[in-house]
Structure formats: structure tokens, C-alpha cells
């Protein structure tokens, strides 16, 4: 079976995700490092993750300022991820809202 998005035939699952979401994940960026994991993390794990994320972001920004366009785009993407919140699945016992107005 062939799958099309608009006039473009989709060849692979990765291509489908890219077209459906409108962007491709940069190869060197770990989303969980910058936005946080989908599972709960301890305060110590969160602090360590944020320390590493800040260091990686600083390195990417420095490389971008030195003329590396890919690092500059990766830095922008990583910085945007730091301002996102991963969606939690209801019923996981995270204590966060399930998005329905009721506590999970």
C-alpha cells in the first residue's frame, strides 16, 4: 500500500514522522536532556541533567558563534526544548494533571 501526504509519496516511517510533525529531529540532540524524561526523575537527577544540558547548550552556542551553522541551529532547537514540557500519560502516578482538569 502506498501512503501520500499531499502530493508526496511517503517512503519510510521516519519520513512520515518528519512530514507529519513538520520537522526532522537533529541527529545530535537528545530531547530528554533538555526537556526532561517522560518518566519521573528525582531532584538530584533533575539537577544533574540540567547542569549537563546547560553545558551542552553553551558549547553549541559557542560553536555557532564561531561559524558552525549546524551547531547554531542545534543550539536554537535545544534552547526551545528547555521551554517545553513533555506530555504525561494519565494514570502514571506522576501527580501531574492529566490535561482533563482532573489530577492524574
Protein backbone atom coordinates (compact mmCIF):
# COMPACT_ATOMS: atom_id res chain seq x y z
CA UNK A 1 0.00 0.00 0.00
CA UNK A 2 1.28 3.48 -0.84
CA UNK A 3 0.98 6.38 1.53
CA UNK A 4 0.83 10.03 0.46
CA UNK A 5 0.96 13.32 2.31
CA UNK A 6 -0.20 15.97 -0.11
CA UNK A 7 1.41 15.07 -3.43
CA UNK A 8 4.44 13.43 -1.82
CA UNK A 9 4.71 9.65 -1.53
CA UNK A 10 5.99 8.64 1.90
CA UNK A 11 8.77 6.03 1.70
CA UNK A 12 9.67 5.36 5.35
CA UNK A 13 8.32 5.76 8.87
CA UNK A 14 10.96 8.43 9.59
CA UNK A 15 9.87 10.40 6.54
CA UNK A 16 6.23 10.09 7.65
CA UNK A 17 7.09 11.48 11.12
CA UNK A 18 9.10 14.31 9.57
CA UNK A 19 6.28 15.30 7.26
CA UNK A 20 3.55 14.84 9.88
CA UNK A 21 5.38 16.89 12.50
CA UNK A 22 6.88 19.38 10.09
CA UNK A 23 10.49 18.95 11.16
CA UNK A 24 13.27 16.40 11.43
CA UNK A 25 14.96 15.69 14.75
CA UNK A 26 18.56 16.97 14.66
CA UNK A 27 20.86 13.95 14.78
CA UNK A 28 22.98 15.05 17.75
CA UNK A 29 20.27 16.33 20.10
CA UNK A 30 18.89 14.23 22.97
CA UNK A 31 15.42 15.67 23.64
CA UNK A 32 15.25 14.15 27.13
CA UNK A 33 18.41 16.00 28.16
CA UNK A 34 16.82 19.38 27.51
CA UNK A 35 13.09 18.91 28.11
CA UNK A 36 13.25 16.17 30.73
CA UNK A 37 12.36 12.48 30.52
CA UNK A 38 8.81 11.20 30.22
CA UNK A 39 9.29 9.18 33.43
CA UNK A 40 9.61 10.77 36.86
CA UNK A 41 13.08 11.84 37.96
CA UNK A 42 14.45 12.62 41.41
CA UNK A 43 15.51 16.16 42.34
CA UNK A 44 19.16 15.05 42.20
CA UNK A 45 18.72 13.53 38.72
CA UNK A 46 16.96 16.69 37.54
CA UNK A 47 19.74 18.94 38.87
CA UNK A 48 22.43 16.81 37.22
CA UNK A 49 20.52 16.69 33.92
CA UNK A 50 20.03 20.47 33.91
CA UNK A 51 23.74 21.05 34.67
CA UNK A 52 24.76 18.88 31.70
CA UNK A 53 22.11 20.48 29.47
CA UNK A 54 23.44 23.97 30.29
CA UNK A 55 27.00 22.90 29.47
CA UNK A 56 25.97 21.30 26.16
CA UNK A 57 23.89 24.36 25.22
CA UNK A 58 26.83 26.67 26.00
CA UNK A 59 29.13 24.53 23.82
CA UNK A 60 26.63 24.56 20.94
CA UNK A 61 26.18 28.33 21.24
CA UNK A 62 29.95 28.87 21.26
CA UNK A 63 30.40 26.67 18.19
CA UNK A 64 27.57 28.54 16.47
CA UNK A 65 29.16 31.88 17.29
CA UNK A 66 32.41 30.57 15.78
CA UNK A 67 30.62 29.96 12.47
CA UNK A 68 29.28 26.39 12.73
CA UNK A 69 25.77 26.79 11.28
CA UNK A 70 24.65 23.29 12.26
CA UNK A 71 25.69 23.85 15.89
CA UNK A 72 23.89 27.19 15.84
CA UNK A 73 20.65 25.53 14.66
CA UNK A 74 21.10 22.72 17.21
CA UNK A 75 21.54 25.36 19.93
CA UNK A 76 18.30 27.07 18.92
CA UNK A 77 16.48 23.72 18.93
CA UNK A 78 17.95 22.69 22.30
CA UNK A 79 17.08 26.07 23.81
CA UNK A 80 13.49 25.73 22.59
CA UNK A 81 13.28 22.25 24.14
CA UNK A 82 14.20 23.68 27.55
CA UNK A 83 10.95 25.64 27.46
CA UNK A 84 8.73 22.65 26.65
CA UNK A 85 7.02 20.25 29.00
CA UNK A 86 6.67 16.61 27.99
CA UNK A 87 3.09 15.39 27.89
CA UNK A 88 2.42 12.89 30.63
CA UNK A 89 0.18 9.90 30.08
CA UNK A 90 -2.73 9.80 32.54
CA UNK A 91 -2.66 7.17 35.23
CA UNK A 92 1.10 7.03 35.61
CA UNK A 93 1.03 8.30 39.17
CA UNK A 94 3.11 11.40 38.46
CA UNK A 95 0.82 13.65 40.47
CA UNK A 96 0.57 15.98 37.50
CA UNK A 97 -2.57 16.99 35.68
CA UNK A 98 -3.80 14.61 33.02
CA UNK A 99 -4.94 17.50 30.85
CA UNK A 100 -8.60 16.84 31.61
CA UNK A 101 -8.84 19.25 34.52
CA UNK A 102 -8.59 16.36 36.98
CA UNK A 103 -5.47 15.25 38.85
CA UNK A 104 -3.94 12.05 37.49
